[in-house]
Amino acid sequence: MAQWSLLTNHANVLLCITGEPDIRLRDLAARVNISERAVKRIVADLERAGYLERERHGRRNHYQVNTSATVEGPLAQGLQLGALIAALLPMIAGAI
């Protein structure tokens, strides 16, 4: 039987970036346990949705989470991303 997780890969990537804004995609992929290609696609999705901004620092990227962005979805409509991260991050701080 396939194993599932309550938090999606998108959520896991976003939480890891919140905890370490200068993380490399390779390291992020290892931490979330998905391919580097999947991480690249997820980061692009998060940027398009307005949850994340990327800035080049030399050869590296620096990510900024847009905590004022509102979360999409029928139940979370209007919830600010920062409030969601603030609720989740302390509970998983040791894991990231």
N, C-alpha and C. Protein backbone atom coordinates (compact mmCIF):
# COMPACT_ATOMS: atom_id res chain seq x y z
N MET A 1 0.84 -1.18 0.00
CA MET A 1 0.00 0.00 0.00
C MET A 1 0.89 1.25 0.00
N ALA A 2 0.50 2.24 -0.79
CA ALA A 2 1.26 3.48 -0.87
C ALA A 2 1.15 4.26 0.43
N GLN A 3 2.27 4.85 0.83
CA GLN A 3 2.28 5.66 2.03
C GLN A 3 1.89 7.09 1.67
N TRP A 4 1.14 7.75 2.51
CA TRP A 4 0.74 9.12 2.24
C TRP A 4 1.11 10.01 3.41
N SER A 5 1.07 11.31 3.18
CA SER A 5 1.43 12.28 4.20
C SER A 5 0.40 13.39 4.20
N LEU A 6 0.11 13.90 5.37
CA LEU A 6 -0.85 14.99 5.48
C LEU A 6 -0.35 16.26 4.81
N LEU A 7 0.94 16.51 4.92
CA LEU A 7 1.52 17.69 4.27
C LEU A 7 2.02 17.30 2.88
N THR A 8 1.66 18.07 1.88
CA THR A 8 2.07 17.80 0.51
C THR A 8 3.54 18.13 0.32
N ASN A 9 4.10 17.69 -0.79
CA ASN A 9 5.48 18.05 -1.11
C ASN A 9 5.63 19.55 -1.25
N HIS A 10 4.60 20.22 -1.77
CA HIS A 10 4.64 21.69 -1.87
C HIS A 10 4.79 22.32 -0.48
N ALA A 11 4.01 21.83 0.47
CA ALA A 11 4.08 22.35 1.85
C ALA A 11 5.44 22.06 2.46
N ASN A 12 5.95 20.85 2.27
CA ASN A 12 7.26 20.49 2.83
C ASN A 12 8.37 21.35 2.24
N VAL A 13 8.34 21.59 0.95
CA VAL A 13 9.35 22.44 0.31
C VAL A 13 9.26 23.86 0.87
N LEU A 14 8.06 24.39 0.96
CA LEU A 14 7.87 25.75 1.47
C LEU A 14 8.35 25.88 2.91
N LEU A 15 8.05 24.90 3.74
CA LEU A 15 8.49 24.94 5.14
C LEU A 15 10.00 24.85 5.25
N CYS A 16 10.62 24.02 4.43
CA CYS A 16 12.09 23.92 4.45
C CYS A 16 12.73 25.22 4.01
N ILE A 17 12.18 25.84 2.98
CA ILE A 17 12.72 27.12 2.50
C ILE A 17 12.53 28.20 3.56
N THR A 18 11.42 28.16 4.27
CA THR A 18 11.19 29.12 5.35
C THR A 18 12.28 29.00 6.41
N GLY A 19 12.63 27.77 6.74
CA GLY A 19 13.65 27.54 7.75
C GLY A 19 15.07 27.79 7.28
N GLU A 20 15.29 27.68 5.97
CA GLU A 20 16.64 27.86 5.40
C GLU A 20 16.54 28.51 4.02
N PRO A 21 16.42 29.84 3.97
CA PRO A 21 16.16 30.54 2.71
C PRO A 21 17.25 30.43 1.64
N ASP A 22 18.45 30.01 2.02
CA ASP A 22 19.54 29.88 1.06
C ASP A 22 19.80 28.43 0.67
N ILE A 23 18.88 27.54 0.96
CA ILE A 23 19.07 26.12 0.70
C ILE A 23 19.20 25.84 -0.79
N ARG A 24 20.09 24.92 -1.15
CA ARG A 24 20.25 24.52 -2.55
C ARG A 24 19.16 23.52 -2.90
N LEU A 25 18.75 23.50 -4.17
CA LEU A 25 17.70 22.59 -4.61
C LEU A 25 18.10 21.14 -4.34
N ARG A 26 19.35 20.81 -4.52
CA ARG A 26 19.83 19.44 -4.27
C ARG A 26 19.62 19.05 -2.81
N ASP A 27 19.95 19.96 -1.90
CA ASP A 27 19.78 19.69 -0.47
C ASP A 27 18.30 19.63 -0.10
N LEU A 28 17.53 20.49 -0.72
CA LEU A 28 16.08 20.50 -0.49
C LEU A 28 15.46 19.18 -0.94
N ALA A 29 15.88 18.69 -2.09
CA ALA A 29 15.37 17.41 -2.60
C ALA A 29 15.70 16.28 -1.63
N ALA A 30 16.91 16.28 -1.11
CA ALA A 30 17.31 15.23 -0.16
C ALA A 30 16.48 15.31 1.12
N ARG A 31 16.24 16.51 1.59
CA ARG A 31 15.49 16.69 2.84
C ARG A 31 14.03 16.27 2.70
N VAL A 32 13.42 16.60 1.56
CA VAL A 32 12.00 16.28 1.35
C VAL A 32 11.84 14.85 0.78
N ASN A 33 12.95 14.28 0.35
CA ASN A 33 12.97 12.92 -0.20
C ASN A 33 12.21 12.81 -1.53
N ILE A 34 12.47 13.78 -2.40
CA ILE A 34 11.93 13.76 -3.76
C ILE A 34 13.06 14.14 -4.71
N SER A 35 12.82 14.02 -6.01
CA SER A 35 13.88 14.32 -6.98
C SER A 35 14.14 15.82 -7.07
N GLU A 36 15.33 16.15 -7.53
CA GLU A 36 15.69 17.56 -7.72
C GLU A 36 14.79 18.20 -8.77
N ARG A 37 14.43 17.44 -9.79
CA ARG A 37 13.53 17.94 -10.83
C ARG A 37 12.16 18.29 -10.24
N ALA A 38 11.66 17.45 -9.33
CA ALA A 38 10.37 17.71 -8.67
C ALA A 38 10.45 18.97 -7.82
N VAL A 39 11.57 19.15 -7.12
CA VAL A 39 11.75 20.36 -6.30
C VAL A 39 11.75 21.59 -7.18
N LYS A 40 12.43 21.52 -8.31
CA LYS A 40 12.49 22.66 -9.23
C LYS A 40 11.09 23.03 -9.71
N ARG A 41 10.28 22.03 -10.03
CA ARG A 41 8.90 22.26 -10.48
C ARG A 41 8.06 22.86 -9.36
N ILE A 42 8.22 22.35 -8.15
CA ILE A 42 7.46 22.85 -7.00
C ILE A 42 7.83 24.29 -6.69
N VAL A 43 9.13 24.61 -6.72
CA VAL A 43 9.57 25.99 -6.46
C VAL A 43 8.96 26.92 -7.51
N ALA A 44 8.94 26.50 -8.77
CA ALA A 44 8.33 27.31 -9.83
C ALA A 44 6.83 27.48 -9.57
N ASP A 45 6.15 26.43 -9.13
CA ASP A 45 4.72 26.53 -8.78
C ASP A 45 4.51 27.54 -7.66
N LEU A 46 5.34 27.47 -6.63
CA LEU A 46 5.20 28.37 -5.49
C LEU A 46 5.48 29.82 -5.88
N GLU A 47 6.43 30.02 -6.80
CA GLU A 47 6.71 31.37 -7.30
C GLU A 47 5.51 31.90 -8.09
N ARG A 48 4.98 31.08 -9.01
CA ARG A 48 3.82 31.50 -9.81
C ARG A 48 2.61 31.82 -8.94
N ALA A 49 2.43 31.09 -7.85
CA ALA A 49 1.30 31.31 -6.95
C ALA A 49 1.50 32.55 -6.07
N GLY A 50 2.71 33.10 -6.06
CA GLY A 50 2.98 34.28 -5.26
C GLY A 50 3.37 33.98 -3.82
N TYR A 51 3.64 32.71 -3.52
CA TYR A 51 4.03 32.32 -2.16
C TYR A 51 5.53 32.49 -1.92
N LEU A 52 6.30 32.61 -2.99
CA LEU A 52 7.74 32.59 -2.89
C LEU A 52 8.35 33.52 -3.92
N GLU A 53 9.44 34.20 -3.55
CA GLU A 53 10.20 35.01 -4.48
C GLU A 53 11.65 34.50 -4.45
N ARG A 54 12.28 34.51 -5.63
CA ARG A 54 13.66 34.03 -5.75
C ARG A 54 14.54 35.17 -6.21
N GLU A 55 15.70 35.29 -5.57
CA GLU A 55 16.67 36.32 -5.93
C GLU A 55 18.04 35.65 -6.06
N ARG A 56 18.73 35.97 -7.14
CA ARG A 56 20.06 35.40 -7.36
C ARG A 56 21.09 36.14 -6.50
N HIS A 57 21.93 35.37 -5.83
CA HIS A 57 23.08 35.90 -5.09
C HIS A 57 24.31 35.18 -5.64
N GLY A 58 24.91 35.75 -6.65
CA GLY A 58 26.03 35.08 -7.31
C GLY A 58 25.54 33.84 -8.03
N ARG A 59 26.07 32.69 -7.66
CA ARG A 59 25.65 31.42 -8.27
C ARG A 59 24.54 30.74 -7.48
N ARG A 60 24.14 31.33 -6.38
CA ARG A 60 23.13 30.71 -5.50
C ARG A 60 21.83 31.49 -5.55
N ASN A 61 20.78 30.86 -5.10
CA ASN A 61 19.48 31.51 -4.97
C ASN A 61 19.19 31.80 -3.51
N HIS A 62 18.51 32.90 -3.28
CA HIS A 62 17.98 33.22 -1.96
C HIS A 62 16.47 33.32 -2.13
N TYR A 63 15.74 32.66 -1.26
CA TYR A 63 14.29 32.63 -1.36
C TYR A 63 13.67 33.46 -0.25
N GLN A 64 12.59 34.15 -0.59
CA GLN A 64 11.83 34.94 0.37
C GLN A 64 10.39 34.46 0.33
N VAL A 65 9.88 34.01 1.47
CA VAL A 65 8.50 33.55 1.55
C VAL A 65 7.59 34.76 1.73
N ASN A 66 6.55 34.86 0.93
CA ASN A 66 5.59 35.95 1.01
C ASN A 66 4.54 35.59 2.05
N THR A 67 4.80 35.95 3.30
CA THR A 67 3.91 35.57 4.39
C THR A 67 2.56 36.27 4.35
N SER A 68 2.46 37.34 3.56
CA SER A 68 1.17 38.04 3.47
C SER A 68 0.28 37.48 2.36
N ALA A 69 0.79 36.53 1.59
CA ALA A 69 -0.02 35.90 0.54
C ALA A 69 -1.17 35.13 1.20
N THR A 70 -2.29 35.08 0.52
CA THR A 70 -3.42 34.32 1.06
C THR A 70 -3.43 32.92 0.47
N VAL A 71 -3.79 31.97 1.30
CA VAL A 71 -3.82 30.57 0.91
C VAL A 71 -5.09 30.31 0.11
N GLU A 72 -4.94 29.54 -0.97
CA GLU A 72 -6.09 29.19 -1.81
C GLU A 72 -6.74 27.92 -1.28
N GLY A 73 -8.00 27.77 -1.58
CA GLY A 73 -8.70 26.55 -1.19
C GLY A 73 -10.03 26.86 -0.55
N PRO A 74 -10.97 25.95 -0.60
CA PRO A 74 -12.31 26.21 -0.10
C PRO A 74 -12.38 26.41 1.41
N LEU A 75 -11.54 25.75 2.18
CA LEU A 75 -11.60 25.87 3.63
C LEU A 75 -10.64 26.90 4.19
N ALA A 76 -9.54 27.12 3.51
CA ALA A 76 -8.50 28.04 4.00
C ALA A 76 -8.59 29.40 3.34
N GLN A 77 -9.63 29.65 2.59
CA GLN A 77 -9.76 30.89 1.84
C GLN A 77 -9.60 32.10 2.75
N GLY A 78 -8.67 32.98 2.39
CA GLY A 78 -8.42 34.19 3.15
C GLY A 78 -7.37 34.04 4.23
N LEU A 79 -6.97 32.82 4.55
CA LEU A 79 -5.94 32.59 5.55
C LEU A 79 -4.60 33.06 5.01
N GLN A 80 -3.87 33.81 5.81
CA GLN A 80 -2.56 34.28 5.37
C GLN A 80 -1.52 33.17 5.54
N LEU A 81 -0.64 33.07 4.56
CA LEU A 81 0.39 32.05 4.55
C LEU A 81 1.24 32.13 5.82
N GLY A 82 1.53 33.34 6.26
CA GLY A 82 2.34 33.52 7.47
C GLY A 82 1.72 32.89 8.70
N ALA A 83 0.40 32.96 8.81
CA ALA A 83 -0.29 32.35 9.96
C ALA A 83 -0.18 30.84 9.91
N LEU A 84 -0.30 30.28 8.73
CA LEU A 84 -0.17 28.83 8.57
C LEU A 84 1.24 28.36 8.90
N ILE A 85 2.23 29.08 8.39
CA ILE A 85 3.63 28.73 8.66
C ILE A 85 3.93 28.87 10.15
N ALA A 86 3.44 29.93 10.76
CA ALA A 86 3.68 30.15 12.18
C ALA A 86 3.10 29.03 13.03
N ALA A 87 1.99 28.46 12.59
CA ALA A 87 1.38 27.36 13.34
C ALA A 87 2.15 26.06 13.14
N LEU A 88 2.68 25.83 11.95
CA LEU A 88 3.36 24.57 11.65
C LEU A 88 4.84 24.55 12.00
N LEU A 89 5.54 25.63 11.77
CA LEU A 89 7.00 25.65 11.90
C LEU A 89 7.51 25.27 13.29
N PRO A 90 6.94 25.77 14.38
CA PRO A 90 7.48 25.37 15.69
C PRO A 90 7.36 23.86 15.95
N MET A 91 6.37 23.24 15.39
CA MET A 91 6.16 21.82 15.62
C MET A 91 7.15 20.95 14.87
N ILE A 92 7.68 21.46 13.76
CA ILE A 92 8.58 20.67 12.93
C ILE A 92 9.98 21.25 12.86
N ALA A 93 10.26 22.24 13.71
CA ALA A 93 11.54 22.95 13.64
C ALA A 93 12.74 22.01 13.73
N GLY A 94 12.65 20.96 14.51
CA GLY A 94 13.77 20.04 14.66
C GLY A 94 13.99 19.17 13.42
N ALA A 95 12.96 19.05 12.59
CA ALA A 95 13.06 18.20 11.40
C ALA A 95 13.68 18.90 10.22
N ILE A 96 13.69 20.24 10.22
CA ILE A 96 14.24 20.96 9.06
C ILE A 96 15.55 21.61 9.39
